[in-house]
Amino acid sequence: MSDINNIKIKGLDPNRMPSLKNKKYVDIIFELNKKAPKDWCADLNLLFSKNKQNVKIKPDEGVFVETWVRVINDIPNLLELIKQHIAICNSNYIEQNSQEALVWQQFESTKSNSRSDELDRILENLNYD
């Protein structure tokens, strides 16, 4: 979970570099520094579904953020937006997992206490006569 905080874009996908072959738009594929969990990818896609930018990440791969621009001068601003959304996803993912861990810990504690109570009850009711 602590590695999630460090997910960031490390650069462009070296195997699919942007080009001007298509005159209408330029595909841009950014590579993350590590594979993101599927639910993190779903969160990133959800964030961008509310945005006019067409940005997505395939949850099964979890490594490449795919987008496109019509105007090449928009690339730096789009990259900044993607980085902001990645930071939001990192923060949300950590918070969500911390809450889940807390709930699990409380469940385990309750389960342990109830087993302990059960043991105490059994020991109290032992008949040594």
Protein backbone atom coordinates (compact mmCIF):
# COMPACT_ATOMS: atom_id res chain seq x y z
CA MET A 1 0.00 0.00 0.00
CA SER A 2 2.81 2.44 0.77
CA ASP A 3 4.09 2.04 -2.81
CA ILE A 4 0.83 3.44 -4.12
CA ASN A 5 1.86 6.89 -2.93
CA ASN A 6 4.79 6.68 -5.32
CA ILE A 7 2.87 5.88 -8.52
CA LYS A 8 3.76 8.51 -11.08
CA ILE A 9 4.44 8.98 -14.76
CA LYS A 10 8.00 8.08 -15.65
CA GLY A 11 7.78 9.12 -19.30
CA LEU A 12 6.39 8.15 -22.66
CA ASP A 13 5.93 4.55 -23.74
CA PRO A 14 9.17 3.96 -25.70
CA ASN A 15 7.43 1.44 -27.97
CA ARG A 16 4.60 3.79 -28.96
CA MET A 17 6.03 7.28 -29.31
CA PRO A 18 3.72 10.12 -30.42
CA SER A 19 3.88 11.01 -34.09
CA LEU A 20 2.20 13.39 -36.50
CA LYS A 21 1.19 10.64 -38.96
CA ASN A 22 -2.48 11.20 -38.26
CA LYS A 23 -3.19 14.82 -39.15
CA LYS A 24 -6.25 15.15 -36.89
CA TYR A 25 -4.77 14.18 -33.53
CA VAL A 26 -1.70 12.81 -31.77
CA ASP A 27 -1.90 9.68 -29.60
CA ILE A 28 0.14 9.96 -26.42
CA ILE A 29 0.85 7.01 -24.16
CA PHE A 30 2.49 7.74 -20.84
CA GLU A 31 4.16 4.99 -18.85
CA LEU A 32 3.81 4.71 -15.07
CA ASN A 33 6.80 3.88 -12.92
CA LYS A 34 5.06 0.74 -11.59
CA LYS A 35 2.00 -1.36 -12.21
CA ALA A 36 -1.09 0.11 -10.58
CA PRO A 37 -3.75 -2.09 -8.93
CA LYS A 38 -6.94 -2.69 -10.91
CA ASP A 39 -9.14 -0.73 -8.52
CA TRP A 40 -6.70 2.21 -8.65
CA CYS A 41 -6.97 2.14 -12.46
CA ALA A 42 -10.76 2.08 -12.23
CA ASP A 43 -10.62 5.13 -9.96
CA LEU A 44 -8.40 7.00 -12.44
CA ASN A 45 -10.72 6.14 -15.31
CA LEU A 46 -13.69 7.32 -13.24
CA LEU A 47 -11.97 10.64 -12.50
CA PHE A 48 -11.38 11.23 -16.19
CA SER A 49 -14.90 10.15 -17.16
CA LYS A 50 -16.04 13.39 -15.52
CA ASN A 51 -13.54 15.39 -17.59
CA LYS A 52 -13.61 16.41 -21.25
CA GLN A 53 -10.17 14.86 -21.79
CA ASN A 54 -10.08 11.36 -23.21
CA VAL A 55 -7.65 9.71 -20.80
CA LYS A 56 -7.75 6.05 -19.79
CA ILE A 57 -5.71 3.23 -18.33
CA LYS A 58 -6.41 -0.45 -18.97
CA PRO A 59 -6.91 -2.05 -15.53
CA ASP A 60 -5.51 -5.40 -16.70
CA GLU A 61 -2.23 -3.76 -17.73
CA GLY A 62 -2.11 -0.96 -15.17
CA VAL A 63 1.02 0.60 -16.65
CA PHE A 64 0.09 2.84 -19.59
CA VAL A 65 -2.06 5.97 -19.48
CA GLU A 66 -3.46 6.55 -22.96
CA THR A 67 -4.74 9.84 -24.33
CA TRP A 68 -4.67 12.07 -27.40
CA VAL A 69 -4.64 15.74 -28.32
CA ARG A 70 -5.67 17.69 -31.38
CA VAL A 71 -3.35 20.62 -30.62
CA ILE A 72 0.21 19.60 -29.74
CA ASN A 73 0.65 22.66 -27.52
CA ASP A 74 -1.96 21.12 -25.19
CA ILE A 75 0.38 18.26 -24.25
CA PRO A 76 2.11 19.97 -21.26
CA ASN A 77 -1.22 21.06 -19.71
CA LEU A 78 -2.70 17.62 -20.25
CA LEU A 79 0.32 16.01 -18.59
CA GLU A 80 -0.11 18.29 -15.56
CA LEU A 81 -3.79 17.35 -15.34
CA ILE A 82 -2.95 13.64 -15.52
CA LYS A 83 -0.31 14.05 -12.79
CA GLN A 84 -2.86 15.82 -10.57
CA HIS A 85 -5.39 13.05 -11.10
CA ILE A 86 -2.76 10.40 -10.35
CA ALA A 87 -1.95 12.17 -7.06
CA ILE A 88 -5.67 12.23 -6.21
CA CYS A 89 -5.96 8.51 -6.98
CA ASN A 90 -2.90 7.75 -4.86
CA SER A 91 -4.34 9.67 -1.93
CA ASN A 92 -7.83 8.16 -2.27
CA TYR A 93 -6.43 4.64 -2.60
CA ILE A 94 -4.29 5.00 0.53
CA GLU A 95 -7.19 6.46 2.51
CA GLN A 96 -9.56 3.72 1.37
CA ASN A 97 -7.09 0.96 2.23
CA SER A 98 -6.36 2.53 5.61
CA GLN A 99 -10.08 2.56 6.39
CA GLU A 100 -10.44 -1.05 5.27
CA ALA A 101 -7.47 -2.05 7.42
CA LEU A 102 -9.00 -0.29 10.42
CA VAL A 103 -12.34 -2.06 9.92
CA TRP A 104 -10.53 -5.39 9.58
CA GLN A 105 -8.49 -4.71 12.71
CA GLN A 106 -11.65 -3.86 14.65
CA PHE A 107 -13.30 -7.03 13.37
CA GLU A 108 -10.32 -9.15 14.39
CA SER A 109 -10.24 -7.48 17.80
CA THR A 110 -13.95 -8.10 18.33
CA LYS A 111 -13.60 -11.69 17.15
CA SER A 112 -10.64 -12.21 19.47
CA ASN A 113 -12.51 -10.66 22.40
CA SER A 114 -15.57 -12.84 21.81
CA ARG A 115 -13.41 -15.98 21.64
CA SER A 116 -11.68 -14.85 24.80
CA ASP A 117 -15.05 -14.30 26.47
CA GLU A 118 -16.15 -17.74 25.32
CA LEU A 119 -13.00 -19.29 26.75
CA ASP A 120 -13.54 -17.49 30.06
CA ARG A 121 -17.13 -18.75 30.21
CA ILE A 122 -16.07 -22.33 29.52
CA LEU A 123 -13.31 -22.20 32.12
CA GLU A 124 -15.66 -20.72 34.72
CA ASN A 125 -18.18 -23.50 34.16
CA LEU A 126 -15.72 -26.37 34.42
CA ASN A 127 -16.78 -28.85 37.06
CA TYR A 128 -13.84 -30.29 38.95
CA ASP A 129 -15.94 -32.48 41.28
